[in-house]
Amino acid sequence: MRTLPVYTPMVTLILLAVALTASVPLSFGAEAVPPKVRAGASPRVLVAYYSLTGNTEKMARGVAEGIRRVPGVTAIVKQAGEVTKQDLEAADGIILGCPTYYANIPGKMKVVIDDWSWKMKVDFTDKVGGAFSTGGGQVGGKEHVVISLLLFLLSNRMAVVGPLYGNDKTGSEWGEPGSAAMTGPLDPGVSEQELDSARRLGERVAGFVKKLTAR
């Protein structure tokens, strides 16, 4: 009968370390870094929006201002219908925005973003996303639209983040799902406070993208 070797605890740990070293690749060259976070070209965040009256476009411009607050990150702003497959694949982050129609995403916007997956076959895996919306009413579905856009991004394997806020008086800090603006008769247009929320969203996404691409 064959006798099994008996190892001291120290020898056992050494053997385990050797086994792990042999089985886990330790290369940190270009091939070890996923393409979505590979360093090199300047990080890009695409702001893709649908706007009929100009309010959502104004929010999109605010988001772009926030992106440019992060040094080294480039903001690309386009109407969703003009976005190409190359735009989407080159982007490290994608922020979507649209108005609220009957408490939902406008049909034209939905068709466009669905086609990115169904027809263009874009790989969104591990890109960083965010969302914003506009709407006429106080409780007209703007948050539902933001969540719907975020669900689209999540369903396409993206990571999503939202803007950060703080209260100097209480010391509290919190995050929100996205940014929104009320644009109806009670509060027409896009206010400076609403533009601030757009800038915060752009800055948060750009900051997250920069951290990933710097790895």
N, C-alpha and C. Protein backbone atom coordinates (compact mmCIF):
# COMPACT_ATOMS: atom_id res chain seq x y z
N MET A 1 0.85 -1.21 0.00
CA MET A 1 0.00 0.00 0.00
C MET A 1 0.88 1.25 0.00
N ARG A 2 0.56 2.17 -0.86
CA ARG A 2 1.39 3.36 -1.03
C ARG A 2 1.11 4.36 0.09
N THR A 3 2.19 4.90 0.69
CA THR A 3 2.04 5.88 1.77
C THR A 3 2.01 7.28 1.19
N LEU A 4 0.99 8.06 1.56
CA LEU A 4 0.88 9.44 1.08
C LEU A 4 1.84 10.33 1.84
N PRO A 5 2.48 11.28 1.17
CA PRO A 5 3.41 12.18 1.86
C PRO A 5 2.68 13.10 2.83
N VAL A 6 3.36 13.42 3.91
CA VAL A 6 2.80 14.33 4.91
C VAL A 6 3.57 15.64 4.85
N TYR A 7 2.85 16.73 4.68
CA TYR A 7 3.51 18.02 4.56
C TYR A 7 3.25 18.87 5.79
N THR A 8 4.23 19.68 6.15
CA THR A 8 4.03 20.64 7.22
C THR A 8 3.12 21.75 6.71
N PRO A 9 2.48 22.53 7.58
CA PRO A 9 1.62 23.63 7.13
C PRO A 9 2.34 24.61 6.21
N MET A 10 3.64 24.91 6.48
CA MET A 10 4.37 25.85 5.65
C MET A 10 4.57 25.31 4.24
N VAL A 11 4.93 24.01 4.13
CA VAL A 11 5.12 23.40 2.82
C VAL A 11 3.81 23.39 2.05
N THR A 12 2.72 23.10 2.75
CA THR A 12 1.40 23.08 2.11
C THR A 12 1.07 24.44 1.51
N LEU A 13 1.36 25.53 2.25
CA LEU A 13 1.09 26.87 1.75
C LEU A 13 1.93 27.20 0.53
N ILE A 14 3.20 26.75 0.54
CA ILE A 14 4.08 27.00 -0.60
C ILE A 14 3.58 26.29 -1.84
N LEU A 15 3.18 25.01 -1.66
CA LEU A 15 2.66 24.25 -2.80
C LEU A 15 1.39 24.87 -3.35
N LEU A 16 0.50 25.37 -2.45
CA LEU A 16 -0.73 26.01 -2.89
C LEU A 16 -0.43 27.28 -3.68
N ALA A 17 0.56 28.05 -3.22
CA ALA A 17 0.93 29.29 -3.91
C ALA A 17 1.46 28.99 -5.31
N VAL A 18 2.29 27.93 -5.42
CA VAL A 18 2.83 27.55 -6.72
C VAL A 18 1.72 27.13 -7.67
N ALA A 19 0.75 26.36 -7.13
CA ALA A 19 -0.36 25.89 -7.96
C ALA A 19 -1.19 27.05 -8.47
N LEU A 20 -1.46 28.03 -7.59
CA LEU A 20 -2.25 29.19 -8.00
C LEU A 20 -1.51 30.02 -9.03
N THR A 21 -0.19 30.18 -8.81
CA THR A 21 0.62 30.96 -9.76
C THR A 21 0.62 30.32 -11.14
N ALA A 22 0.63 29.01 -11.16
CA ALA A 22 0.67 28.30 -12.44
C ALA A 22 -0.65 28.37 -13.17
N SER A 23 -1.77 28.50 -12.41
CA SER A 23 -3.09 28.44 -13.03
C SER A 23 -3.68 29.79 -13.36
N VAL A 24 -3.16 30.88 -12.77
CA VAL A 24 -3.73 32.22 -12.99
C VAL A 24 -2.78 33.04 -13.84
N PRO A 25 -3.20 33.54 -15.00
CA PRO A 25 -2.32 34.35 -15.84
C PRO A 25 -1.99 35.66 -15.16
N LEU A 26 -0.68 36.01 -15.14
CA LEU A 26 -0.25 37.23 -14.46
C LEU A 26 0.18 38.31 -15.43
N SER A 27 -0.03 38.10 -16.73
CA SER A 27 0.38 39.09 -17.72
C SER A 27 -0.51 40.32 -17.64
N PHE A 28 0.09 41.49 -17.68
CA PHE A 28 -0.68 42.74 -17.66
C PHE A 28 -0.43 43.52 -18.95
N GLY A 29 -0.11 42.82 -20.03
CA GLY A 29 0.09 43.46 -21.32
C GLY A 29 -1.22 43.83 -21.95
N ALA A 30 -1.16 44.23 -23.22
CA ALA A 30 -2.36 44.71 -23.91
C ALA A 30 -3.46 43.67 -23.94
N GLU A 31 -3.11 42.39 -24.10
CA GLU A 31 -4.13 41.37 -24.23
C GLU A 31 -4.83 41.07 -22.91
N ALA A 32 -4.23 41.49 -21.78
CA ALA A 32 -4.84 41.21 -20.48
C ALA A 32 -5.89 42.24 -20.12
N VAL A 33 -5.95 43.35 -20.84
CA VAL A 33 -6.89 44.42 -20.54
C VAL A 33 -8.07 44.33 -21.49
N PRO A 34 -9.31 44.22 -20.98
CA PRO A 34 -10.47 44.16 -21.86
C PRO A 34 -10.51 45.36 -22.80
N PRO A 35 -10.92 45.17 -24.05
CA PRO A 35 -10.93 46.27 -25.01
C PRO A 35 -11.71 47.49 -24.53
N LYS A 36 -12.79 47.27 -23.74
CA LYS A 36 -13.63 48.40 -23.34
C LYS A 36 -12.89 49.35 -22.40
N VAL A 37 -11.86 48.88 -21.70
CA VAL A 37 -11.16 49.73 -20.75
C VAL A 37 -9.68 49.86 -21.10
N ARG A 38 -9.29 49.53 -22.32
CA ARG A 38 -7.88 49.61 -22.70
C ARG A 38 -7.46 51.06 -22.81
N ALA A 39 -6.32 51.39 -22.18
CA ALA A 39 -5.81 52.75 -22.22
C ALA A 39 -5.26 53.06 -23.61
N GLY A 40 -5.16 54.34 -23.93
CA GLY A 40 -4.59 54.72 -25.22
C GLY A 40 -5.27 55.97 -25.73
N ALA A 41 -6.29 55.81 -26.55
CA ALA A 41 -7.01 56.96 -27.10
C ALA A 41 -7.75 57.69 -25.99
N SER A 42 -8.03 58.96 -26.24
CA SER A 42 -8.77 59.77 -25.27
C SER A 42 -10.15 59.17 -25.02
N PRO A 43 -10.54 59.01 -23.75
CA PRO A 43 -11.88 58.47 -23.45
C PRO A 43 -12.96 59.34 -24.07
N ARG A 44 -14.02 58.71 -24.58
CA ARG A 44 -15.10 59.42 -25.26
C ARG A 44 -16.44 59.07 -24.60
N VAL A 45 -17.25 60.10 -24.39
CA VAL A 45 -18.62 59.88 -23.91
C VAL A 45 -19.57 60.45 -24.95
N LEU A 46 -20.46 59.60 -25.44
CA LEU A 46 -21.45 60.01 -26.44
C LEU A 46 -22.76 60.40 -25.75
N VAL A 47 -23.26 61.59 -26.07
CA VAL A 47 -24.56 62.04 -25.59
C VAL A 47 -25.52 61.94 -26.77
N ALA A 48 -26.43 60.98 -26.72
CA ALA A 48 -27.38 60.74 -27.81
C ALA A 48 -28.78 61.11 -27.33
N TYR A 49 -29.45 62.01 -28.04
CA TYR A 49 -30.73 62.52 -27.56
C TYR A 49 -31.73 62.66 -28.70
N TYR A 50 -33.00 62.74 -28.31
CA TYR A 50 -34.09 63.06 -29.25
C TYR A 50 -34.76 64.31 -28.72
N SER A 51 -34.94 65.31 -29.58
CA SER A 51 -35.53 66.58 -29.15
C SER A 51 -36.42 67.14 -30.24
N LEU A 52 -37.62 67.53 -29.86
CA LEU A 52 -38.57 68.08 -30.82
C LEU A 52 -38.67 69.60 -30.72
N THR A 53 -38.65 70.12 -29.47
CA THR A 53 -38.81 71.56 -29.27
C THR A 53 -37.51 72.25 -28.86
N GLY A 54 -36.47 71.50 -28.58
CA GLY A 54 -35.20 72.10 -28.20
C GLY A 54 -34.86 71.98 -26.72
N ASN A 55 -35.83 71.63 -25.87
CA ASN A 55 -35.56 71.52 -24.44
C ASN A 55 -34.60 70.38 -24.11
N THR A 56 -34.84 69.23 -24.72
CA THR A 56 -33.97 68.09 -24.45
C THR A 56 -32.58 68.34 -25.02
N GLU A 57 -32.51 69.03 -26.15
CA GLU A 57 -31.21 69.38 -26.72
C GLU A 57 -30.43 70.28 -25.77
N LYS A 58 -31.12 71.21 -25.12
CA LYS A 58 -30.46 72.10 -24.16
C LYS A 58 -29.90 71.29 -22.99
N MET A 59 -30.66 70.31 -22.52
CA MET A 59 -30.17 69.43 -21.45
C MET A 59 -28.95 68.64 -21.94
N ALA A 60 -28.99 68.18 -23.19
CA ALA A 60 -27.87 67.43 -23.75
C ALA A 60 -26.61 68.28 -23.75
N ARG A 61 -26.74 69.55 -24.08
CA ARG A 61 -25.59 70.45 -24.08
C ARG A 61 -25.06 70.63 -22.66
N GLY A 62 -25.97 70.66 -21.70
CA GLY A 62 -25.55 70.74 -20.30
C GLY A 62 -24.78 69.49 -19.88
N VAL A 63 -25.26 68.33 -20.30
CA VAL A 63 -24.55 67.08 -20.00
C VAL A 63 -23.14 67.14 -20.58
N ALA A 64 -23.02 67.63 -21.81
CA ALA A 64 -21.71 67.73 -22.46
C ALA A 64 -20.78 68.67 -21.69
N GLU A 65 -21.33 69.76 -21.15
CA GLU A 65 -20.52 70.67 -20.34
C GLU A 65 -19.95 69.93 -19.12
N GLY A 66 -20.78 69.10 -18.51
CA GLY A 66 -20.31 68.33 -17.36
C GLY A 66 -19.22 67.33 -17.74
N ILE A 67 -19.37 66.70 -18.89
CA ILE A 67 -18.34 65.75 -19.35
C ILE A 67 -17.01 66.47 -19.50
N ARG A 68 -17.04 67.68 -20.05
CA ARG A 68 -15.80 68.43 -20.30
C ARG A 68 -15.17 68.95 -19.02
N ARG A 69 -15.85 68.85 -17.90
CA ARG A 69 -15.24 69.21 -16.62
C ARG A 69 -14.16 68.20 -16.22
N VAL A 70 -14.22 67.03 -16.79
CA VAL A 70 -13.25 65.97 -16.46
C VAL A 70 -12.13 66.03 -17.48
N PRO A 71 -10.93 66.41 -17.07
CA PRO A 71 -9.82 66.56 -18.02
C PRO A 71 -9.53 65.27 -18.78
N GLY A 72 -9.33 65.43 -20.09
CA GLY A 72 -8.95 64.29 -20.91
C GLY A 72 -10.10 63.50 -21.49
N VAL A 73 -11.34 63.83 -21.13
CA VAL A 73 -12.50 63.10 -21.64
C VAL A 73 -13.19 63.95 -22.71
N THR A 74 -13.47 63.35 -23.85
CA THR A 74 -14.10 64.05 -24.98
C THR A 74 -15.61 63.81 -24.99
N ALA A 75 -16.38 64.87 -25.20
CA ALA A 75 -17.84 64.77 -25.30
C ALA A 75 -18.26 64.83 -26.76
N ILE A 76 -19.09 63.88 -27.18
CA ILE A 76 -19.66 63.86 -28.52
C ILE A 76 -21.18 63.98 -28.37
N VAL A 77 -21.79 65.00 -28.97
CA VAL A 77 -23.22 65.23 -28.84
C VAL A 77 -23.90 65.06 -30.19
N LYS A 78 -24.89 64.15 -30.26
CA LYS A 78 -25.59 63.88 -31.51
C LYS A 78 -27.06 63.57 -31.27
N GLN A 79 -27.89 63.95 -32.24
CA GLN A 79 -29.26 63.45 -32.25
C GLN A 79 -29.21 61.93 -32.39
N ALA A 80 -30.05 61.24 -31.66
CA ALA A 80 -30.01 59.77 -31.65
C ALA A 80 -30.12 59.19 -33.05
N GLY A 81 -30.95 59.79 -33.89
CA GLY A 81 -31.14 59.28 -35.24
C GLY A 81 -29.93 59.45 -36.14
N GLU A 82 -28.96 60.28 -35.73
CA GLU A 82 -27.76 60.51 -36.52
C GLU A 82 -26.56 59.70 -36.03
N VAL A 83 -26.74 58.97 -34.95
CA VAL A 83 -25.65 58.20 -34.36
C VAL A 83 -25.33 56.99 -35.25
N THR A 84 -24.05 56.77 -35.49
CA THR A 84 -23.62 55.63 -36.31
C THR A 84 -23.09 54.50 -35.44
N LYS A 85 -22.93 53.35 -36.05
CA LYS A 85 -22.36 52.21 -35.34
C LYS A 85 -20.95 52.54 -34.85
N GLN A 86 -20.21 53.27 -35.66
CA GLN A 86 -18.85 53.67 -35.29
C GLN A 86 -18.87 54.57 -34.06
N ASP A 87 -19.84 55.50 -34.00
CA ASP A 87 -19.97 56.37 -32.82
C ASP A 87 -20.16 55.54 -31.56
N LEU A 88 -21.04 54.55 -31.63
CA LEU A 88 -21.38 53.74 -30.48
C LEU A 88 -20.20 52.86 -30.05
N GLU A 89 -19.52 52.27 -31.00
CA GLU A 89 -18.42 51.37 -30.68
C GLU A 89 -17.21 52.13 -30.16
N ALA A 90 -17.02 53.38 -30.61
CA ALA A 90 -15.88 54.17 -30.17
C ALA A 90 -16.09 54.80 -28.80
N ALA A 91 -17.34 54.85 -28.35
CA ALA A 91 -17.66 55.50 -27.08
C ALA A 91 -17.35 54.59 -25.89
N ASP A 92 -16.72 55.17 -24.87
CA ASP A 92 -16.51 54.46 -23.61
C ASP A 92 -17.72 54.64 -22.69
N GLY A 93 -18.46 55.72 -22.91
CA GLY A 93 -19.68 55.99 -22.16
C GLY A 93 -20.77 56.49 -23.09
N ILE A 94 -22.01 56.19 -22.76
CA ILE A 94 -23.16 56.62 -23.57
C ILE A 94 -24.24 57.15 -22.64
N ILE A 95 -24.66 58.39 -22.87
CA ILE A 95 -25.72 59.00 -22.07
C ILE A 95 -26.90 59.28 -23.00
N LEU A 96 -28.06 58.75 -22.64
CA LEU A 96 -29.26 58.89 -23.46
C LEU A 96 -30.21 59.91 -22.85
N GLY A 97 -30.89 60.67 -23.72
CA GLY A 97 -31.88 61.63 -23.24
C GLY A 97 -33.01 61.81 -24.23
N CYS A 98 -34.21 62.03 -23.70
CA CYS A 98 -35.37 62.25 -24.58
C CYS A 98 -36.49 62.90 -23.78
N PRO A 99 -37.48 63.47 -24.47
CA PRO A 99 -38.67 64.00 -23.79
C PRO A 99 -39.58 62.88 -23.34
N THR A 100 -40.60 63.26 -22.58
CA THR A 100 -41.58 62.30 -22.07
C THR A 100 -42.88 62.45 -22.84
N TYR A 101 -43.29 61.39 -23.52
CA TYR A 101 -44.55 61.40 -24.26
C TYR A 101 -45.50 60.40 -23.62
N TYR A 102 -46.59 60.92 -23.06
CA TYR A 102 -47.58 60.07 -22.41
C TYR A 102 -46.92 59.13 -21.39
N ALA A 103 -46.00 59.73 -20.60
CA ALA A 103 -45.29 59.04 -19.52
C ALA A 103 -44.33 57.96 -20.01
N ASN A 104 -43.94 58.02 -21.28
CA ASN A 104 -43.06 57.00 -21.84
C ASN A 104 -42.03 57.59 -22.78
N ILE A 105 -41.09 56.73 -23.22
CA ILE A 105 -40.11 57.12 -24.22
C ILE A 105 -40.83 57.38 -25.55
N PRO A 106 -40.50 58.44 -26.27
CA PRO A 106 -41.11 58.67 -27.58
C PRO A 106 -40.86 57.47 -28.51
N GLY A 107 -41.85 57.17 -29.34
CA GLY A 107 -41.72 56.03 -30.24
C GLY A 107 -40.50 56.10 -31.13
N LYS A 108 -40.19 57.30 -31.66
CA LYS A 108 -39.04 57.43 -32.55
C LYS A 108 -37.74 57.10 -31.84
N MET A 109 -37.63 57.52 -30.58
CA MET A 109 -36.42 57.23 -29.81
C MET A 109 -36.29 55.73 -29.55
N LYS A 110 -37.41 55.10 -29.22
CA LYS A 110 -37.39 53.67 -28.92
C LYS A 110 -36.95 52.86 -30.14
N VAL A 111 -37.47 53.22 -31.31
CA VAL A 111 -37.10 52.49 -32.53
C VAL A 111 -35.60 52.64 -32.81
N VAL A 112 -35.09 53.86 -32.64
CA VAL A 112 -33.67 54.12 -32.92
C VAL A 112 -32.77 53.29 -32.01
N ILE A 113 -33.00 53.34 -30.70
CA ILE A 113 -32.09 52.63 -29.79
C ILE A 113 -32.25 51.11 -29.90
N ASP A 114 -33.45 50.64 -30.19
CA ASP A 114 -33.63 49.20 -30.40
C ASP A 114 -32.83 48.74 -31.63
N ASP A 115 -32.80 49.58 -32.66
CA ASP A 115 -32.07 49.23 -33.86
C ASP A 115 -30.57 49.14 -33.63
N TRP A 116 -30.08 49.88 -32.64
CA TRP A 116 -28.65 49.78 -32.32
C TRP A 116 -28.28 48.34 -31.98
N SER A 117 -29.19 47.67 -31.28
CA SER A 117 -28.95 46.27 -30.92
C SER A 117 -29.37 45.32 -32.02
N TRP A 118 -30.61 45.46 -32.50
CA TRP A 118 -31.18 44.49 -33.43
C TRP A 118 -30.56 44.55 -34.81
N LYS A 119 -30.35 45.77 -35.33
CA LYS A 119 -29.84 45.91 -36.70
C LYS A 119 -28.33 46.15 -36.77
N MET A 120 -27.83 47.06 -35.91
CA MET A 120 -26.40 47.38 -35.95
C MET A 120 -25.54 46.34 -35.24
N LYS A 121 -26.15 45.58 -34.33
CA LYS A 121 -25.43 44.56 -33.58
C LYS A 121 -24.25 45.14 -32.79
N VAL A 122 -24.48 46.28 -32.15
CA VAL A 122 -23.43 46.93 -31.37
C VAL A 122 -23.19 46.16 -30.08
N ASP A 123 -21.92 46.01 -29.70
CA ASP A 123 -21.57 45.39 -28.43
C ASP A 123 -21.39 46.49 -27.39
N PHE A 124 -22.32 46.59 -26.46
CA PHE A 124 -22.29 47.64 -25.43
C PHE A 124 -21.63 47.17 -24.13
N THR A 125 -21.14 45.96 -24.09
CA THR A 125 -20.65 45.36 -22.85
C THR A 125 -19.62 46.23 -22.14
N ASP A 126 -19.89 46.52 -20.86
CA ASP A 126 -18.99 47.24 -19.96
C ASP A 126 -18.77 48.71 -20.30
N LYS A 127 -19.55 49.26 -21.21
CA LYS A 127 -19.53 50.71 -21.37
C LYS A 127 -20.29 51.33 -20.19
N VAL A 128 -20.06 52.61 -19.93
CA VAL A 128 -20.71 53.30 -18.81
C VAL A 128 -21.87 54.13 -19.35
N GLY A 129 -23.01 54.07 -18.69
CA GLY A 129 -24.19 54.77 -19.18
C GLY A 129 -24.85 55.68 -18.18
N GLY A 130 -25.70 56.56 -18.69
CA GLY A 130 -26.50 57.46 -17.87
C GLY A 130 -27.70 57.91 -18.67
N ALA A 131 -28.65 58.61 -18.02
CA ALA A 131 -29.87 59.00 -18.72
C ALA A 131 -30.45 60.29 -18.16
N PHE A 132 -31.17 61.01 -19.04
CA PHE A 132 -31.88 62.22 -18.62
C PHE A 132 -33.16 62.35 -19.44
N SER A 133 -34.08 63.17 -18.94
CA SER A 133 -35.35 63.34 -19.64
C SER A 133 -35.90 64.74 -19.40
N THR A 134 -36.87 65.11 -20.23
CA THR A 134 -37.62 66.34 -20.03
C THR A 134 -39.10 66.00 -20.13
N GLY A 135 -39.94 66.87 -19.58
CA GLY A 135 -41.37 66.63 -19.64
C GLY A 135 -42.14 67.83 -19.16
N GLY A 136 -43.36 67.99 -19.65
CA GLY A 136 -44.14 69.19 -19.35
C GLY A 136 -44.74 69.23 -17.97
N GLY A 137 -45.16 68.08 -17.43
CA GLY A 137 -45.87 68.07 -16.16
C GLY A 137 -44.98 67.90 -14.95
N GLN A 138 -45.55 68.22 -13.77
CA GLN A 138 -44.82 68.01 -12.52
C GLN A 138 -44.63 66.53 -12.26
N VAL A 139 -45.66 65.76 -12.49
CA VAL A 139 -45.59 64.30 -12.32
C VAL A 139 -46.10 63.69 -13.63
N GLY A 140 -45.28 63.79 -14.65
CA GLY A 140 -45.73 63.36 -15.97
C GLY A 140 -45.03 62.15 -16.52
N GLY A 141 -44.13 61.55 -15.71
CA GLY A 141 -43.46 60.35 -16.17
C GLY A 141 -41.98 60.52 -16.49
N LYS A 142 -41.41 61.68 -16.14
CA LYS A 142 -39.99 61.92 -16.46
C LYS A 142 -39.08 60.87 -15.82
N GLU A 143 -39.34 60.54 -14.57
CA GLU A 143 -38.50 59.55 -13.89
C GLU A 143 -38.68 58.16 -14.51
N HIS A 144 -39.90 57.86 -14.94
CA HIS A 144 -40.14 56.58 -15.61
C HIS A 144 -39.33 56.48 -16.89
N VAL A 145 -39.23 57.59 -17.62
CA VAL A 145 -38.45 57.60 -18.85
C VAL A 145 -36.96 57.39 -18.55
N VAL A 146 -36.46 58.06 -17.52
CA VAL A 146 -35.06 57.87 -17.12
C VAL A 146 -34.79 56.40 -16.80
N ILE A 147 -35.68 55.81 -16.00
CA ILE A 147 -35.50 54.40 -15.61
C ILE A 147 -35.58 53.50 -16.84
N SER A 148 -36.49 53.80 -17.75
CA SER A 148 -36.62 52.98 -18.97
C SER A 148 -35.35 53.04 -19.81
N LEU A 149 -34.76 54.23 -19.92
CA LEU A 149 -33.50 54.36 -20.66
C LEU A 149 -32.38 53.60 -19.96
N LEU A 150 -32.35 53.68 -18.64
CA LEU A 150 -31.32 52.95 -17.89
C LEU A 150 -31.50 51.44 -18.04
N LEU A 151 -32.75 50.99 -18.07
CA LEU A 151 -33.01 49.55 -18.25
C LEU A 151 -32.55 49.09 -19.62
N PHE A 152 -32.70 49.94 -20.63
CA PHE A 152 -32.18 49.60 -21.95
C PHE A 152 -30.67 49.40 -21.89
N LEU A 153 -29.98 50.32 -21.21
CA LEU A 153 -28.52 50.24 -21.10
C LEU A 153 -28.10 49.00 -20.32
N LEU A 154 -28.78 48.74 -19.20
CA LEU A 154 -28.46 47.57 -18.40
C LEU A 154 -28.72 46.27 -19.17
N SER A 155 -29.80 46.25 -19.91
CA SER A 155 -30.14 45.05 -20.68
C SER A 155 -29.10 44.78 -21.77
N ASN A 156 -28.38 45.84 -22.16
CA ASN A 156 -27.33 45.68 -23.15
C ASN A 156 -25.94 45.60 -22.49
N ARG A 157 -25.93 45.16 -21.23
CA ARG A 157 -24.72 44.79 -20.50
C ARG A 157 -23.83 45.98 -20.12
N MET A 158 -24.43 47.16 -20.00
CA MET A 158 -23.67 48.33 -19.60
C MET A 158 -23.77 48.54 -18.09
N ALA A 159 -22.83 49.31 -17.54
CA ALA A 159 -22.88 49.76 -16.15
C ALA A 159 -23.43 51.18 -16.15
N VAL A 160 -24.31 51.50 -15.21
CA VAL A 160 -24.93 52.83 -15.22
C VAL A 160 -24.66 53.58 -13.92
N VAL A 161 -24.54 54.89 -14.01
CA VAL A 161 -24.35 55.75 -12.85
C VAL A 161 -25.23 56.99 -12.99
N GLY A 162 -25.44 57.69 -11.89
CA GLY A 162 -26.25 58.90 -11.90
C GLY A 162 -25.53 60.05 -11.23
N PRO A 163 -26.12 61.24 -11.25
CA PRO A 163 -25.47 62.42 -10.66
C PRO A 163 -25.42 62.34 -9.14
N LEU A 164 -24.44 63.04 -8.57
CA LEU A 164 -24.27 63.09 -7.11
C LEU A 164 -24.64 64.47 -6.59
N TYR A 165 -25.19 64.49 -5.39
CA TYR A 165 -25.60 65.74 -4.74
C TYR A 165 -25.15 65.74 -3.28
N GLY A 166 -25.10 66.94 -2.70
CA GLY A 166 -24.75 67.06 -1.30
C GLY A 166 -25.43 68.25 -0.66
N ASN A 167 -25.66 68.19 0.63
CA ASN A 167 -26.26 69.29 1.39
C ASN A 167 -25.24 69.79 2.41
N ASP A 168 -24.72 70.98 2.18
CA ASP A 168 -23.68 71.52 3.05
C ASP A 168 -24.17 71.74 4.48
N LYS A 169 -25.46 72.03 4.64
CA LYS A 169 -25.99 72.30 5.98
C LYS A 169 -26.10 71.04 6.82
N THR A 170 -26.53 69.95 6.19
CA THR A 170 -26.72 68.70 6.94
C THR A 170 -25.56 67.73 6.78
N GLY A 171 -24.73 67.97 5.77
CA GLY A 171 -23.62 67.06 5.52
C GLY A 171 -24.01 65.79 4.79
N SER A 172 -25.28 65.70 4.39
CA SER A 172 -25.74 64.48 3.70
C SER A 172 -25.31 64.48 2.24
N GLU A 173 -25.08 63.29 1.69
CA GLU A 173 -24.73 63.11 0.29
C GLU A 173 -25.58 61.99 -0.30
N TRP A 174 -25.94 62.11 -1.57
CA TRP A 174 -26.77 61.08 -2.18
C TRP A 174 -26.59 61.09 -3.70
N GLY A 175 -27.04 60.01 -4.32
CA GLY A 175 -27.04 59.92 -5.77
C GLY A 175 -28.46 59.77 -6.27
N GLU A 176 -28.68 60.10 -7.54
CA GLU A 176 -30.00 59.96 -8.15
C GLU A 176 -29.87 59.18 -9.46
N PRO A 177 -30.97 58.57 -9.93
CA PRO A 177 -30.89 57.74 -11.14
C PRO A 177 -30.47 58.49 -12.39
N GLY A 178 -30.83 59.76 -12.48
CA GLY A 178 -30.51 60.54 -13.68
C GLY A 178 -30.88 61.99 -13.47
N SER A 179 -31.02 62.73 -14.57
CA SER A 179 -31.37 64.14 -14.52
C SER A 179 -32.65 64.38 -15.31
N ALA A 180 -33.38 65.43 -14.92
CA ALA A 180 -34.64 65.71 -15.60
C ALA A 180 -34.96 67.20 -15.51
N ALA A 181 -35.80 67.66 -16.44
CA ALA A 181 -36.24 69.05 -16.45
C ALA A 181 -37.73 69.11 -16.73
N MET A 182 -38.42 69.94 -15.94
CA MET A 182 -39.84 70.20 -16.18
C MET A 182 -39.94 71.38 -17.14
N THR A 183 -40.65 71.21 -18.25
CA THR A 183 -40.63 72.23 -19.31
C THR A 183 -42.02 72.75 -19.71
N GLY A 184 -43.05 72.38 -18.94
CA GLY A 184 -44.41 72.76 -19.29
C GLY A 184 -44.78 74.16 -18.84
N PRO A 185 -46.06 74.52 -18.96
CA PRO A 185 -46.52 75.88 -18.64
C PRO A 185 -46.21 76.34 -17.22
N LEU A 186 -46.21 75.42 -16.24
CA LEU A 186 -45.92 75.82 -14.86
C LEU A 186 -44.46 76.18 -14.66
N ASP A 187 -43.58 75.64 -15.50
CA ASP A 187 -42.15 75.89 -15.37
C ASP A 187 -41.51 75.76 -16.76
N PRO A 188 -41.78 76.71 -17.65
CA PRO A 188 -41.35 76.57 -19.04
C PRO A 188 -39.83 76.61 -19.21
N GLY A 189 -39.37 75.92 -20.24
CA GLY A 189 -37.95 75.94 -20.54
C GLY A 189 -37.12 75.10 -19.58
N VAL A 190 -35.81 75.25 -19.68
CA VAL A 190 -34.86 74.53 -18.82
C VAL A 190 -34.16 75.54 -17.94
N SER A 191 -34.32 75.40 -16.64
CA SER A 191 -33.75 76.36 -15.69
C SER A 191 -32.26 76.08 -15.45
N GLU A 192 -31.60 77.02 -14.80
CA GLU A 192 -30.19 76.84 -14.46
C GLU A 192 -30.01 75.67 -13.49
N GLN A 193 -30.96 75.50 -12.56
CA GLN A 193 -30.88 74.38 -11.62
C GLN A 193 -30.99 73.04 -12.35
N GLU A 194 -31.84 72.99 -13.37
CA GLU A 194 -31.98 71.75 -14.14
C GLU A 194 -30.75 71.49 -15.00
N LEU A 195 -30.16 72.57 -15.52
CA LEU A 195 -28.91 72.42 -16.26
C LEU A 195 -27.79 71.94 -15.33
N ASP A 196 -27.84 72.36 -14.09
CA ASP A 196 -26.84 71.90 -13.12
C ASP A 196 -26.93 70.38 -12.94
N SER A 197 -28.16 69.87 -12.90
CA SER A 197 -28.31 68.42 -12.75
C SER A 197 -27.77 67.69 -13.99
N ALA A 198 -27.95 68.29 -15.17
CA ALA A 198 -27.41 67.70 -16.39
C ALA A 198 -25.89 67.69 -16.36
N ARG A 199 -25.31 68.79 -15.91
CA ARG A 199 -23.84 68.86 -15.82
C ARG A 199 -23.31 67.82 -14.82
N ARG A 200 -24.01 67.66 -13.72
CA ARG A 200 -23.58 66.68 -12.72
C ARG A 200 -23.61 65.26 -13.30
N LEU A 201 -24.64 64.98 -14.10
CA LEU A 201 -24.73 63.67 -14.73
C LEU A 201 -23.55 63.44 -15.67
N GLY A 202 -23.27 64.42 -16.53
CA GLY A 202 -22.16 64.28 -17.46
C GLY A 202 -20.83 64.12 -16.75
N GLU A 203 -20.64 64.89 -15.69
CA GLU A 203 -19.39 64.82 -14.95
C GLU A 203 -19.21 63.46 -14.26
N ARG A 204 -20.31 62.92 -13.74
CA ARG A 204 -20.22 61.62 -13.05
C ARG A 204 -19.87 60.50 -14.03
N VAL A 205 -20.55 60.47 -15.15
CA VAL A 205 -20.27 59.43 -16.14
C VAL A 205 -18.84 59.56 -16.66
N ALA A 206 -18.42 60.79 -16.97
CA ALA A 206 -17.08 61.01 -17.49
C ALA A 206 -16.02 60.61 -16.46
N GLY A 207 -16.27 60.92 -15.20
CA GLY A 207 -15.33 60.55 -14.15
C GLY A 207 -15.18 59.06 -14.02
N PHE A 208 -16.30 58.35 -14.13
CA PHE A 208 -16.28 56.90 -14.03
C PHE A 208 -15.56 56.30 -15.23
N VAL A 209 -15.83 56.84 -16.42
CA VAL A 209 -15.16 56.38 -17.63
C VAL A 209 -13.65 56.57 -17.51
N LYS A 210 -13.24 57.72 -17.00
CA LYS A 210 -11.81 57.99 -16.87
C LYS A 210 -11.14 57.00 -15.93
N LYS A 211 -11.80 56.65 -14.85
CA LYS A 211 -11.24 55.67 -13.91
C LYS A 211 -11.06 54.32 -14.59
N LEU A 212 -12.04 53.91 -15.38
CA LEU A 212 -11.96 52.61 -16.05
C LEU A 212 -10.86 52.58 -17.10
N THR A 213 -10.78 53.64 -17.91
CA THR A 213 -9.80 53.65 -18.99
C THR A 213 -8.39 53.87 -18.49
N ALA A 214 -8.24 54.31 -17.25
CA ALA A 214 -6.91 54.56 -16.68
C ALA A 214 -6.31 53.30 -16.06
N ARG A 215 -7.08 52.21 -15.98
CA ARG A 215 -6.59 50.99 -15.33
C ARG A 215 -5.47 50.35 -16.13
